[in-house]
Amino acid sequence: MIDLHTHTLFSDGALIPSEHVRRLEVLGYGAVGLTDHADASLLDFIIPRIVTISKQLNDVQAVKVIPGVELTHVPPVLIAPLAKKARDLGAALVVVHGETIVEPVAPGTNRAAIEAGVDLLAHPGLISPDDATLAAKEGVFLEISGRSGHSLTNGHVARSALDAGASLILDSDAHGPGDFMTRELAEKVVEGAGLPKGSLEDLLSNARQLLERIGYPL
């Protein structure tokens, strides 16, 4: 299993990174992204600390830990420069909090994230056909979410990605230990999005492709 969108107590998660990763190790995960919520106010606080703990844990634990960030409720015009700053600070994985229907995310966030060339657009809500097509062209992965609320548009996201040829990834968007998905639950979430039985392996393959692209091959 691979989960590239999770949160620790560096934002609104429940666990310190070491316990967070250890619990996933026990569940048999191969890789996890630590992608705490951030904007310009704390980017330079979170990322260096996540980079440091990721290096330490990668030396001693089986789970490959990817230091990242989720740019969250950032005004669209600021996404590109903030994504660059995140990478400059050491974030290997840049995620943007997409236009989920359950939060007042600014319109245009999906398009700005794709144009900025981020790695993953999380829970992109009612993503438009044009944005899905652009995501396919730019190699931006779209997320099927295991998180309550954000998962309401999984079916739309899956159909849009398939129609446009964009790549899908399954993530938990975990904020605590009760959010981590077993393989059995992950398979149900994927099927619940309207994808054919067995599609979880395709989404995990996509996640491995992304890991290889950012320098964390699994």
N, C-alpha and C. Protein backbone atom coordinates (compact mmCIF):
# COMPACT_ATOMS: atom_id res chain seq x y z
N MET A 1 0.84 -1.20 0.00
CA MET A 1 0.00 0.00 0.00
C MET A 1 0.88 1.25 0.00
N ILE A 2 0.35 2.31 -0.61
CA ILE A 2 1.03 3.59 -0.71
C ILE A 2 0.01 4.68 -0.41
N ASP A 3 0.41 5.66 0.38
CA ASP A 3 -0.48 6.78 0.72
C ASP A 3 0.33 8.06 0.65
N LEU A 4 0.05 8.91 -0.33
CA LEU A 4 0.87 10.10 -0.55
C LEU A 4 0.21 11.39 -0.07
N HIS A 5 -0.80 11.26 0.78
CA HIS A 5 -1.47 12.46 1.30
C HIS A 5 -1.93 12.19 2.73
N THR A 6 -1.09 12.56 3.70
CA THR A 6 -1.42 12.37 5.11
C THR A 6 -0.93 13.55 5.92
N HIS A 7 -1.47 13.68 7.15
CA HIS A 7 -1.19 14.84 7.99
C HIS A 7 -0.76 14.43 9.40
N THR A 8 0.24 15.12 9.91
CA THR A 8 0.71 14.92 11.27
C THR A 8 0.29 16.12 12.12
N LEU A 9 0.80 16.16 13.37
CA LEU A 9 0.42 17.29 14.21
C LEU A 9 1.15 18.58 13.84
N PHE A 10 1.98 18.52 12.78
CA PHE A 10 2.53 19.76 12.27
C PHE A 10 1.47 20.61 11.59
N SER A 11 0.30 20.02 11.31
CA SER A 11 -0.85 20.83 10.90
C SER A 11 -2.03 20.39 11.75
N ASP A 12 -3.00 19.69 11.19
CA ASP A 12 -4.18 19.31 11.96
C ASP A 12 -4.30 17.81 12.15
N GLY A 13 -3.18 17.09 12.03
CA GLY A 13 -3.19 15.66 12.32
C GLY A 13 -3.03 15.40 13.79
N ALA A 14 -3.17 14.12 14.18
CA ALA A 14 -3.17 13.76 15.60
C ALA A 14 -1.82 13.25 16.11
N LEU A 15 -0.94 12.80 15.22
CA LEU A 15 0.25 12.09 15.65
C LEU A 15 1.54 12.81 15.26
N ILE A 16 2.59 12.61 16.06
CA ILE A 16 3.91 13.05 15.65
C ILE A 16 4.36 12.15 14.49
N PRO A 17 5.26 12.62 13.64
CA PRO A 17 5.63 11.82 12.47
C PRO A 17 6.10 10.41 12.78
N SER A 18 6.88 10.24 13.84
CA SER A 18 7.41 8.90 14.13
C SER A 18 6.30 7.89 14.40
N GLU A 19 5.30 8.27 15.20
CA GLU A 19 4.20 7.34 15.46
C GLU A 19 3.35 7.16 14.22
N HIS A 20 3.13 8.22 13.51
CA HIS A 20 2.37 8.20 12.27
C HIS A 20 2.95 7.14 11.31
N VAL A 21 4.25 7.21 11.11
CA VAL A 21 4.91 6.30 10.19
C VAL A 21 4.94 4.88 10.75
N ARG A 22 5.17 4.75 12.05
CA ARG A 22 5.21 3.42 12.65
C ARG A 22 3.88 2.69 12.49
N ARG A 23 2.78 3.38 12.65
CA ARG A 23 1.48 2.73 12.50
C ARG A 23 1.28 2.24 11.07
N LEU A 24 1.80 2.99 10.10
CA LEU A 24 1.68 2.55 8.71
C LEU A 24 2.63 1.39 8.43
N GLU A 25 3.77 1.39 9.10
CA GLU A 25 4.69 0.26 8.95
C GLU A 25 4.02 -1.03 9.43
N VAL A 26 3.32 -0.96 10.54
CA VAL A 26 2.62 -2.14 11.07
C VAL A 26 1.54 -2.61 10.09
N LEU A 27 0.93 -1.67 9.39
CA LEU A 27 -0.11 -2.03 8.41
C LEU A 27 0.47 -2.53 7.10
N GLY A 28 1.79 -2.53 6.98
CA GLY A 28 2.42 -3.07 5.79
C GLY A 28 2.57 -2.12 4.63
N TYR A 29 2.52 -0.82 4.89
CA TYR A 29 2.65 0.17 3.82
C TYR A 29 4.08 0.21 3.29
N GLY A 30 4.21 0.51 2.00
CA GLY A 30 5.52 0.65 1.41
C GLY A 30 6.03 2.07 1.39
N ALA A 31 5.11 3.04 1.33
CA ALA A 31 5.51 4.44 1.27
C ALA A 31 4.39 5.33 1.80
N VAL A 32 4.79 6.48 2.37
CA VAL A 32 3.84 7.46 2.87
C VAL A 32 4.38 8.86 2.63
N GLY A 33 3.49 9.75 2.21
CA GLY A 33 3.83 11.15 2.08
C GLY A 33 3.36 11.91 3.30
N LEU A 34 4.25 12.68 3.90
CA LEU A 34 3.89 13.58 5.00
C LEU A 34 3.63 14.95 4.38
N THR A 35 2.36 15.31 4.27
CA THR A 35 1.95 16.47 3.48
C THR A 35 1.06 17.39 4.31
N ASP A 36 1.65 17.99 5.33
CA ASP A 36 0.84 18.83 6.21
C ASP A 36 0.37 20.10 5.51
N HIS A 37 -0.78 20.60 5.98
CA HIS A 37 -1.36 21.82 5.43
C HIS A 37 -0.44 23.00 5.67
N ALA A 38 -0.31 23.85 4.66
CA ALA A 38 0.53 25.05 4.83
C ALA A 38 0.13 26.13 3.84
N ASP A 39 0.42 27.36 4.25
CA ASP A 39 0.40 28.50 3.34
C ASP A 39 1.71 29.26 3.57
N ALA A 40 1.78 30.50 3.12
CA ALA A 40 3.04 31.24 3.23
C ALA A 40 3.44 31.52 4.67
N SER A 41 2.49 31.45 5.59
CA SER A 41 2.79 31.83 6.97
C SER A 41 3.67 30.83 7.71
N LEU A 42 3.66 29.55 7.28
CA LEU A 42 4.41 28.55 8.04
C LEU A 42 5.13 27.53 7.18
N LEU A 43 5.22 27.80 5.90
CA LEU A 43 5.90 26.88 5.00
C LEU A 43 7.34 26.61 5.46
N ASP A 44 8.04 27.68 5.83
CA ASP A 44 9.44 27.53 6.21
C ASP A 44 9.61 26.96 7.61
N PHE A 45 8.52 26.78 8.34
CA PHE A 45 8.57 26.10 9.64
C PHE A 45 8.35 24.60 9.46
N ILE A 46 7.34 24.25 8.68
CA ILE A 46 6.96 22.85 8.55
C ILE A 46 7.95 22.04 7.72
N ILE A 47 8.25 22.50 6.52
CA ILE A 47 8.98 21.65 5.58
C ILE A 47 10.36 21.23 6.09
N PRO A 48 11.19 22.14 6.60
CA PRO A 48 12.51 21.66 7.07
C PRO A 48 12.41 20.59 8.15
N ARG A 49 11.43 20.68 9.01
CA ARG A 49 11.26 19.68 10.07
C ARG A 49 10.79 18.34 9.50
N ILE A 50 9.90 18.40 8.53
CA ILE A 50 9.44 17.17 7.89
C ILE A 50 10.59 16.53 7.10
N VAL A 51 11.41 17.35 6.46
CA VAL A 51 12.56 16.82 5.73
C VAL A 51 13.51 16.11 6.69
N THR A 52 13.79 16.72 7.84
CA THR A 52 14.70 16.13 8.81
C THR A 52 14.20 14.80 9.34
N ILE A 53 12.94 14.74 9.77
CA ILE A 53 12.42 13.50 10.33
C ILE A 53 12.28 12.43 9.26
N SER A 54 11.98 12.83 8.03
CA SER A 54 11.88 11.85 6.94
C SER A 54 13.22 11.17 6.70
N LYS A 55 14.29 11.94 6.68
CA LYS A 55 15.62 11.36 6.49
C LYS A 55 15.95 10.39 7.62
N GLN A 56 15.64 10.77 8.85
CA GLN A 56 15.94 9.90 9.99
C GLN A 56 15.15 8.60 9.91
N LEU A 57 13.86 8.70 9.63
CA LEU A 57 13.03 7.50 9.59
C LEU A 57 13.38 6.60 8.41
N ASN A 58 13.78 7.19 7.31
CA ASN A 58 14.15 6.38 6.15
C ASN A 58 15.41 5.57 6.40
N ASP A 59 16.19 5.96 7.38
CA ASP A 59 17.40 5.21 7.72
C ASP A 59 17.11 3.98 8.58
N VAL A 60 15.94 3.97 9.23
CA VAL A 60 15.72 2.92 10.24
C VAL A 60 14.40 2.18 10.11
N GLN A 61 13.50 2.61 9.23
CA GLN A 61 12.20 1.96 9.12
C GLN A 61 11.93 1.49 7.70
N ALA A 62 11.04 0.53 7.58
CA ALA A 62 10.76 -0.09 6.29
C ALA A 62 9.93 0.81 5.38
N VAL A 63 9.10 1.68 5.95
CA VAL A 63 8.24 2.54 5.14
C VAL A 63 9.07 3.67 4.55
N LYS A 64 8.96 3.86 3.24
CA LYS A 64 9.64 4.99 2.61
C LYS A 64 8.84 6.25 2.90
N VAL A 65 9.48 7.25 3.53
CA VAL A 65 8.81 8.48 3.94
C VAL A 65 9.18 9.60 2.98
N ILE A 66 8.18 10.23 2.41
CA ILE A 66 8.40 11.30 1.44
C ILE A 66 8.03 12.63 2.06
N PRO A 67 8.98 13.55 2.18
CA PRO A 67 8.67 14.87 2.74
C PRO A 67 7.90 15.71 1.74
N GLY A 68 6.76 16.22 2.18
CA GLY A 68 5.95 17.00 1.27
C GLY A 68 5.17 18.08 1.98
N VAL A 69 4.19 18.61 1.29
CA VAL A 69 3.34 19.67 1.84
C VAL A 69 2.05 19.69 1.04
N GLU A 70 0.97 20.10 1.69
CA GLU A 70 -0.29 20.36 0.99
C GLU A 70 -0.60 21.84 1.09
N LEU A 71 -0.43 22.55 0.00
CA LEU A 71 -0.78 23.97 -0.03
C LEU A 71 -2.30 24.07 0.04
N THR A 72 -2.79 24.77 1.06
CA THR A 72 -4.20 24.68 1.43
C THR A 72 -4.85 26.06 1.51
N HIS A 73 -5.94 26.23 0.78
CA HIS A 73 -6.67 27.50 0.74
C HIS A 73 -5.76 28.67 0.39
N VAL A 74 -4.76 28.39 -0.43
CA VAL A 74 -3.88 29.44 -0.93
C VAL A 74 -4.58 30.11 -2.11
N PRO A 75 -4.63 31.44 -2.15
CA PRO A 75 -5.23 32.10 -3.31
C PRO A 75 -4.57 31.62 -4.60
N PRO A 76 -5.37 31.35 -5.62
CA PRO A 76 -4.82 30.75 -6.84
C PRO A 76 -3.60 31.46 -7.40
N VAL A 77 -3.58 32.78 -7.37
CA VAL A 77 -2.46 33.52 -7.94
C VAL A 77 -1.16 33.27 -7.19
N LEU A 78 -1.25 32.80 -5.96
CA LEU A 78 -0.05 32.57 -5.14
C LEU A 78 0.44 31.12 -5.16
N ILE A 79 -0.31 30.24 -5.81
CA ILE A 79 0.05 28.82 -5.77
C ILE A 79 1.38 28.54 -6.44
N ALA A 80 1.60 29.07 -7.63
CA ALA A 80 2.84 28.77 -8.35
C ALA A 80 4.08 29.22 -7.58
N PRO A 81 4.15 30.47 -7.11
CA PRO A 81 5.35 30.86 -6.36
C PRO A 81 5.52 30.10 -5.05
N LEU A 82 4.41 29.75 -4.42
CA LEU A 82 4.52 29.01 -3.16
C LEU A 82 4.95 27.56 -3.41
N ALA A 83 4.50 26.98 -4.51
CA ALA A 83 4.95 25.63 -4.86
C ALA A 83 6.45 25.62 -5.11
N LYS A 84 6.95 26.64 -5.79
CA LYS A 84 8.40 26.74 -6.02
C LYS A 84 9.15 26.88 -4.71
N LYS A 85 8.64 27.71 -3.82
CA LYS A 85 9.30 27.88 -2.53
C LYS A 85 9.30 26.57 -1.74
N ALA A 86 8.20 25.84 -1.80
CA ALA A 86 8.13 24.55 -1.10
C ALA A 86 9.22 23.60 -1.61
N ARG A 87 9.40 23.55 -2.91
CA ARG A 87 10.43 22.69 -3.48
C ARG A 87 11.82 23.17 -3.06
N ASP A 88 12.02 24.49 -3.06
CA ASP A 88 13.31 25.04 -2.65
C ASP A 88 13.63 24.69 -1.20
N LEU A 89 12.60 24.56 -0.37
CA LEU A 89 12.78 24.21 1.04
C LEU A 89 12.99 22.72 1.26
N GLY A 90 12.80 21.93 0.22
CA GLY A 90 13.06 20.50 0.33
C GLY A 90 11.86 19.59 0.19
N ALA A 91 10.70 20.13 -0.10
CA ALA A 91 9.52 19.28 -0.30
C ALA A 91 9.68 18.49 -1.60
N ALA A 92 9.70 17.17 -1.48
CA ALA A 92 9.80 16.32 -2.67
C ALA A 92 8.45 16.13 -3.32
N LEU A 93 7.39 16.30 -2.55
CA LEU A 93 6.02 16.05 -3.00
C LEU A 93 5.17 17.28 -2.70
N VAL A 94 4.72 17.96 -3.74
CA VAL A 94 3.87 19.14 -3.56
C VAL A 94 2.44 18.81 -3.97
N VAL A 95 1.56 18.90 -2.99
CA VAL A 95 0.13 18.63 -3.16
C VAL A 95 -0.62 19.95 -3.02
N VAL A 96 -1.68 20.10 -3.74
CA VAL A 96 -2.57 21.26 -3.55
C VAL A 96 -3.95 20.77 -3.15
N HIS A 97 -4.51 21.43 -2.16
CA HIS A 97 -5.85 21.16 -1.65
C HIS A 97 -6.86 21.65 -2.69
N GLY A 98 -7.41 20.69 -3.43
CA GLY A 98 -8.27 21.03 -4.54
C GLY A 98 -9.65 21.54 -4.14
N GLU A 99 -10.49 21.75 -5.13
CA GLU A 99 -11.78 22.40 -4.95
C GLU A 99 -12.85 21.43 -4.45
N THR A 100 -12.60 20.79 -3.32
CA THR A 100 -13.59 19.94 -2.69
C THR A 100 -14.90 20.69 -2.51
N ILE A 101 -16.00 19.97 -2.61
CA ILE A 101 -17.31 20.63 -2.50
C ILE A 101 -17.70 20.92 -1.06
N VAL A 102 -16.94 20.42 -0.08
CA VAL A 102 -17.34 20.60 1.31
C VAL A 102 -16.56 21.71 2.02
N GLU A 103 -15.74 22.45 1.29
CA GLU A 103 -15.02 23.59 1.85
C GLU A 103 -15.03 24.74 0.86
N PRO A 104 -14.89 25.99 1.34
CA PRO A 104 -14.95 27.14 0.44
C PRO A 104 -13.61 27.43 -0.23
N VAL A 105 -13.10 26.44 -0.97
CA VAL A 105 -11.85 26.63 -1.70
C VAL A 105 -12.10 27.60 -2.86
N ALA A 106 -11.16 28.51 -3.07
CA ALA A 106 -11.34 29.54 -4.09
C ALA A 106 -11.46 28.94 -5.48
N PRO A 107 -12.45 29.38 -6.26
CA PRO A 107 -12.55 28.92 -7.65
C PRO A 107 -11.26 29.25 -8.39
N GLY A 108 -10.86 28.35 -9.24
CA GLY A 108 -9.62 28.54 -9.98
C GLY A 108 -8.42 27.86 -9.35
N THR A 109 -8.63 27.28 -8.14
CA THR A 109 -7.53 26.60 -7.46
C THR A 109 -7.06 25.38 -8.26
N ASN A 110 -8.00 24.58 -8.76
CA ASN A 110 -7.61 23.41 -9.53
C ASN A 110 -6.73 23.79 -10.72
N ARG A 111 -7.18 24.78 -11.49
CA ARG A 111 -6.44 25.19 -12.68
C ARG A 111 -5.07 25.76 -12.31
N ALA A 112 -5.02 26.58 -11.26
CA ALA A 112 -3.74 27.18 -10.85
C ALA A 112 -2.75 26.12 -10.41
N ALA A 113 -3.24 25.10 -9.70
CA ALA A 113 -2.35 24.03 -9.25
C ALA A 113 -1.79 23.25 -10.43
N ILE A 114 -2.63 22.95 -11.39
CA ILE A 114 -2.18 22.20 -12.56
C ILE A 114 -1.19 23.01 -13.37
N GLU A 115 -1.49 24.29 -13.56
CA GLU A 115 -0.57 25.15 -14.32
C GLU A 115 0.76 25.32 -13.60
N ALA A 116 0.74 25.23 -12.27
CA ALA A 116 1.98 25.35 -11.50
C ALA A 116 2.82 24.08 -11.55
N GLY A 117 2.26 23.00 -12.08
CA GLY A 117 2.99 21.76 -12.21
C GLY A 117 3.22 21.04 -10.89
N VAL A 118 2.24 21.13 -9.98
CA VAL A 118 2.38 20.40 -8.72
C VAL A 118 2.28 18.90 -9.01
N ASP A 119 2.60 18.09 -8.03
CA ASP A 119 2.61 16.65 -8.25
C ASP A 119 1.22 16.03 -8.18
N LEU A 120 0.42 16.51 -7.24
CA LEU A 120 -0.86 15.87 -6.95
C LEU A 120 -1.91 16.93 -6.62
N LEU A 121 -3.05 16.83 -7.28
CA LEU A 121 -4.19 17.69 -6.96
C LEU A 121 -5.16 16.87 -6.13
N ALA A 122 -5.24 17.20 -4.83
CA ALA A 122 -6.05 16.43 -3.90
C ALA A 122 -7.52 16.77 -4.05
N HIS A 123 -8.35 15.74 -3.88
CA HIS A 123 -9.82 15.89 -3.89
C HIS A 123 -10.29 17.10 -4.70
N PRO A 124 -10.17 17.02 -6.04
CA PRO A 124 -10.46 18.18 -6.89
C PRO A 124 -11.93 18.44 -7.14
N GLY A 125 -12.81 17.78 -6.39
CA GLY A 125 -14.24 18.11 -6.46
C GLY A 125 -14.83 17.90 -7.83
N LEU A 126 -15.60 18.89 -8.27
CA LEU A 126 -16.26 18.80 -9.58
C LEU A 126 -15.32 19.34 -10.65
N ILE A 127 -14.17 18.73 -10.78
CA ILE A 127 -13.16 19.19 -11.72
C ILE A 127 -13.75 19.25 -13.13
N SER A 128 -13.40 20.31 -13.85
CA SER A 128 -13.94 20.49 -15.19
C SER A 128 -13.22 19.60 -16.20
N PRO A 129 -13.87 19.30 -17.32
CA PRO A 129 -13.20 18.51 -18.37
C PRO A 129 -11.91 19.17 -18.85
N ASP A 130 -11.92 20.50 -18.99
CA ASP A 130 -10.72 21.20 -19.44
C ASP A 130 -9.58 21.05 -18.45
N ASP A 131 -9.89 21.14 -17.16
CA ASP A 131 -8.84 21.00 -16.15
C ASP A 131 -8.32 19.56 -16.08
N ALA A 132 -9.20 18.60 -16.22
CA ALA A 132 -8.77 17.21 -16.23
C ALA A 132 -7.87 16.93 -17.43
N THR A 133 -8.22 17.50 -18.58
CA THR A 133 -7.40 17.35 -19.78
C THR A 133 -6.03 17.98 -19.58
N LEU A 134 -6.00 19.16 -18.96
CA LEU A 134 -4.73 19.83 -18.71
C LEU A 134 -3.89 19.04 -17.71
N ALA A 135 -4.54 18.44 -16.72
CA ALA A 135 -3.81 17.61 -15.76
C ALA A 135 -3.14 16.44 -16.47
N ALA A 136 -3.84 15.83 -17.40
CA ALA A 136 -3.24 14.74 -18.18
C ALA A 136 -2.04 15.22 -18.97
N LYS A 137 -2.17 16.38 -19.59
CA LYS A 137 -1.09 16.93 -20.40
C LYS A 137 0.12 17.29 -19.56
N GLU A 138 -0.11 17.85 -18.37
CA GLU A 138 0.98 18.32 -17.52
C GLU A 138 1.51 17.25 -16.57
N GLY A 139 0.90 16.09 -16.55
CA GLY A 139 1.36 15.02 -15.68
C GLY A 139 1.05 15.23 -14.23
N VAL A 140 -0.03 15.96 -13.96
CA VAL A 140 -0.48 16.17 -12.58
C VAL A 140 -1.46 15.06 -12.21
N PHE A 141 -1.19 14.35 -11.14
CA PHE A 141 -2.03 13.24 -10.72
C PHE A 141 -3.27 13.77 -9.99
N LEU A 142 -4.40 13.11 -10.20
CA LEU A 142 -5.66 13.47 -9.54
C LEU A 142 -5.99 12.42 -8.49
N GLU A 143 -6.62 12.88 -7.43
CA GLU A 143 -6.81 12.02 -6.26
C GLU A 143 -8.23 11.48 -6.10
N ILE A 144 -8.31 10.19 -5.85
CA ILE A 144 -9.51 9.56 -5.29
C ILE A 144 -9.28 9.55 -3.78
N SER A 145 -10.22 10.11 -3.03
CA SER A 145 -10.01 10.33 -1.60
C SER A 145 -10.78 9.35 -0.73
N GLY A 146 -10.11 8.88 0.31
CA GLY A 146 -10.77 8.05 1.30
C GLY A 146 -11.39 8.84 2.42
N ARG A 147 -11.27 10.17 2.37
CA ARG A 147 -11.72 11.00 3.48
C ARG A 147 -13.20 11.38 3.34
N SER A 148 -13.90 11.29 4.45
CA SER A 148 -15.32 11.66 4.48
C SER A 148 -15.49 13.08 3.97
N GLY A 149 -16.52 13.29 3.18
CA GLY A 149 -16.77 14.61 2.62
C GLY A 149 -16.06 14.78 1.30
N HIS A 150 -14.74 14.75 1.32
CA HIS A 150 -13.98 14.89 0.09
C HIS A 150 -14.28 13.75 -0.87
N SER A 151 -14.67 12.60 -0.33
CA SER A 151 -14.92 11.43 -1.17
C SER A 151 -16.25 11.52 -1.93
N LEU A 152 -17.06 12.51 -1.63
CA LEU A 152 -18.39 12.60 -2.26
C LEU A 152 -18.31 12.75 -3.78
N THR A 153 -17.22 13.32 -4.27
CA THR A 153 -17.10 13.51 -5.72
C THR A 153 -16.13 12.53 -6.36
N ASN A 154 -15.79 11.45 -5.66
CA ASN A 154 -14.86 10.47 -6.23
C ASN A 154 -15.32 9.95 -7.59
N GLY A 155 -16.61 9.70 -7.71
CA GLY A 155 -17.13 9.18 -8.97
C GLY A 155 -16.92 10.15 -10.11
N HIS A 156 -17.18 11.42 -9.85
CA HIS A 156 -16.97 12.45 -10.87
C HIS A 156 -15.50 12.55 -11.25
N VAL A 157 -14.63 12.55 -10.23
CA VAL A 157 -13.19 12.66 -10.49
C VAL A 157 -12.71 11.47 -11.31
N ALA A 158 -13.15 10.27 -10.94
CA ALA A 158 -12.73 9.08 -11.67
C ALA A 158 -13.17 9.14 -13.13
N ARG A 159 -14.42 9.49 -13.37
CA ARG A 159 -14.91 9.56 -14.74
C ARG A 159 -14.16 10.63 -15.53
N SER A 160 -13.94 11.78 -14.90
CA SER A 160 -13.25 12.88 -15.58
C SER A 160 -11.83 12.50 -15.95
N ALA A 161 -11.15 11.82 -15.03
CA ALA A 161 -9.78 11.40 -15.29
C ALA A 161 -9.73 10.37 -16.41
N LEU A 162 -10.63 9.40 -16.38
CA LEU A 162 -10.64 8.38 -17.42
C LEU A 162 -10.93 8.98 -18.79
N ASP A 163 -11.88 9.91 -18.84
CA ASP A 163 -12.22 10.55 -20.10
C ASP A 163 -11.05 11.37 -20.65
N ALA A 164 -10.29 11.99 -19.74
CA ALA A 164 -9.21 12.89 -20.17
C ALA A 164 -7.86 12.19 -20.31
N GLY A 165 -7.77 10.97 -19.78
CA GLY A 165 -6.48 10.28 -19.79
C GLY A 165 -5.56 10.72 -18.69
N ALA A 166 -6.12 11.30 -17.61
CA ALA A 166 -5.31 11.72 -16.47
C ALA A 166 -5.09 10.54 -15.53
N SER A 167 -4.01 10.58 -14.77
CA SER A 167 -3.66 9.49 -13.86
C SER A 167 -4.28 9.71 -12.49
N LEU A 168 -4.83 8.65 -11.93
CA LEU A 168 -5.47 8.69 -10.62
C LEU A 168 -4.60 8.03 -9.56
N ILE A 169 -4.67 8.59 -8.35
CA ILE A 169 -4.02 8.00 -7.18
C ILE A 169 -5.05 7.94 -6.06
N LEU A 170 -4.99 6.89 -5.26
CA LEU A 170 -5.84 6.77 -4.08
C LEU A 170 -5.06 7.18 -2.84
N ASP A 171 -5.63 8.09 -2.04
CA ASP A 171 -5.02 8.52 -0.79
C ASP A 171 -6.07 8.54 0.31
N SER A 172 -5.59 8.46 1.57
CA SER A 172 -6.51 8.50 2.69
C SER A 172 -6.82 9.91 3.15
N ASP A 173 -5.88 10.86 2.91
CA ASP A 173 -5.98 12.19 3.53
C ASP A 173 -6.11 12.02 5.05
N ALA A 174 -5.33 11.10 5.59
CA ALA A 174 -5.44 10.74 7.01
C ALA A 174 -5.02 11.89 7.91
N HIS A 175 -5.83 12.09 8.96
CA HIS A 175 -5.52 13.06 10.00
C HIS A 175 -5.31 12.38 11.35
N GLY A 176 -5.51 11.09 11.39
CA GLY A 176 -5.33 10.32 12.62
C GLY A 176 -5.29 8.85 12.31
N PRO A 177 -4.94 8.02 13.30
CA PRO A 177 -4.75 6.59 13.04
C PRO A 177 -6.01 5.89 12.56
N GLY A 178 -7.17 6.40 12.90
CA GLY A 178 -8.40 5.77 12.43
C GLY A 178 -8.68 6.00 10.96
N ASP A 179 -7.89 6.87 10.33
CA ASP A 179 -8.11 7.19 8.92
C ASP A 179 -7.28 6.33 7.97
N PHE A 180 -6.27 5.64 8.49
CA PHE A 180 -5.42 4.83 7.62
C PHE A 180 -6.24 3.68 7.02
N MET A 181 -6.04 3.43 5.74
CA MET A 181 -6.84 2.43 5.05
C MET A 181 -6.14 1.08 4.98
N THR A 182 -6.87 0.03 5.25
CA THR A 182 -6.41 -1.30 4.94
C THR A 182 -6.58 -1.53 3.44
N ARG A 183 -5.94 -2.56 2.92
CA ARG A 183 -6.12 -2.87 1.51
C ARG A 183 -7.59 -3.17 1.19
N GLU A 184 -8.26 -3.87 2.09
CA GLU A 184 -9.66 -4.21 1.87
C GLU A 184 -10.51 -2.96 1.74
N LEU A 185 -10.30 -1.98 2.63
CA LEU A 185 -11.07 -0.74 2.55
C LEU A 185 -10.70 0.03 1.29
N ALA A 186 -9.42 0.06 0.97
CA ALA A 186 -8.97 0.78 -0.23
C ALA A 186 -9.65 0.23 -1.48
N GLU A 187 -9.76 -1.08 -1.56
CA GLU A 187 -10.42 -1.69 -2.71
C GLU A 187 -11.88 -1.26 -2.80
N LYS A 188 -12.53 -1.15 -1.65
CA LYS A 188 -13.94 -0.73 -1.64
C LYS A 188 -14.09 0.73 -2.05
N VAL A 189 -13.16 1.59 -1.60
CA VAL A 189 -13.21 3.01 -1.97
C VAL A 189 -13.05 3.16 -3.48
N VAL A 190 -12.12 2.41 -4.04
CA VAL A 190 -11.88 2.48 -5.49
C VAL A 190 -13.10 1.99 -6.26
N GLU A 191 -13.69 0.88 -5.83
CA GLU A 191 -14.89 0.39 -6.50
C GLU A 191 -16.06 1.35 -6.30
N GLY A 192 -16.12 1.97 -5.12
CA GLY A 192 -17.17 2.95 -4.84
C GLY A 192 -17.08 4.18 -5.72
N ALA A 193 -15.88 4.45 -6.25
CA ALA A 193 -15.70 5.56 -7.18
C ALA A 193 -16.15 5.20 -8.59
N GLY A 194 -16.60 3.95 -8.77
CA GLY A 194 -17.09 3.53 -10.07
C GLY A 194 -16.04 2.88 -10.95
N LEU A 195 -14.86 2.63 -10.38
CA LEU A 195 -13.81 1.99 -11.15
C LEU A 195 -13.98 0.47 -11.11
N PRO A 196 -13.53 -0.24 -12.12
CA PRO A 196 -13.71 -1.70 -12.17
C PRO A 196 -13.00 -2.41 -11.03
N LYS A 197 -13.52 -3.53 -10.64
CA LYS A 197 -12.90 -4.35 -9.60
C LYS A 197 -11.46 -4.66 -10.02
N GLY A 198 -10.53 -4.51 -9.09
CA GLY A 198 -9.13 -4.74 -9.38
C GLY A 198 -8.36 -3.49 -9.75
N SER A 199 -9.05 -2.34 -9.81
CA SER A 199 -8.40 -1.10 -10.23
C SER A 199 -7.43 -0.54 -9.19
N LEU A 200 -7.52 -1.01 -7.96
CA LEU A 200 -6.59 -0.53 -6.94
C LEU A 200 -5.15 -0.74 -7.39
N GLU A 201 -4.87 -1.85 -8.03
CA GLU A 201 -3.50 -2.11 -8.48
C GLU A 201 -3.04 -1.08 -9.50
N ASP A 202 -3.95 -0.64 -10.34
CA ASP A 202 -3.61 0.40 -11.32
C ASP A 202 -3.27 1.71 -10.61
N LEU A 203 -4.04 2.06 -9.60
CA LEU A 203 -3.80 3.30 -8.87
C LEU A 203 -2.49 3.23 -8.07
N LEU A 204 -2.19 2.05 -7.52
CA LEU A 204 -0.92 1.88 -6.82
C LEU A 204 0.25 1.96 -7.81
N SER A 205 0.05 1.44 -9.00
CA SER A 205 1.08 1.56 -10.03
C SER A 205 1.32 3.03 -10.38
N ASN A 206 0.24 3.80 -10.46
CA ASN A 206 0.39 5.23 -10.71
C ASN A 206 1.17 5.92 -9.60
N ALA A 207 0.88 5.52 -8.36
CA ALA A 207 1.60 6.09 -7.23
C ALA A 207 3.09 5.77 -7.30
N ARG A 208 3.41 4.55 -7.72
CA ARG A 208 4.82 4.18 -7.87
C ARG A 208 5.49 5.00 -8.97
N GLN A 209 4.75 5.29 -10.03
CA GLN A 209 5.29 6.13 -11.10
C GLN A 209 5.62 7.53 -10.57
N LEU A 210 4.72 8.07 -9.74
CA LEU A 210 4.97 9.38 -9.17
C LEU A 210 6.17 9.34 -8.24
N LEU A 211 6.27 8.30 -7.43
CA LEU A 211 7.41 8.17 -6.52
C LEU A 211 8.72 8.13 -7.31
N GLU A 212 8.73 7.41 -8.39
CA GLU A 212 9.95 7.34 -9.19
C GLU A 212 10.29 8.70 -9.78
N ARG A 213 9.28 9.42 -10.22
CA ARG A 213 9.50 10.73 -10.83
C ARG A 213 10.11 11.73 -9.84
N ILE A 214 9.72 11.64 -8.58
CA ILE A 214 10.22 12.60 -7.60
C ILE A 214 11.45 12.11 -6.86
N GLY A 215 11.98 10.97 -7.30
CA GLY A 215 13.23 10.50 -6.73
C GLY A 215 13.12 9.59 -5.52
N TYR A 216 11.95 8.96 -5.35
CA TYR A 216 11.74 8.02 -4.25
C TYR A 216 11.19 6.70 -4.80
N PRO A 217 11.93 6.04 -5.67
CA PRO A 217 11.43 4.79 -6.27
C PRO A 217 11.17 3.73 -5.20
N LEU A 218 10.11 2.99 -5.43
CA LEU A 218 9.72 1.95 -4.46
C LEU A 218 9.96 0.57 -5.07
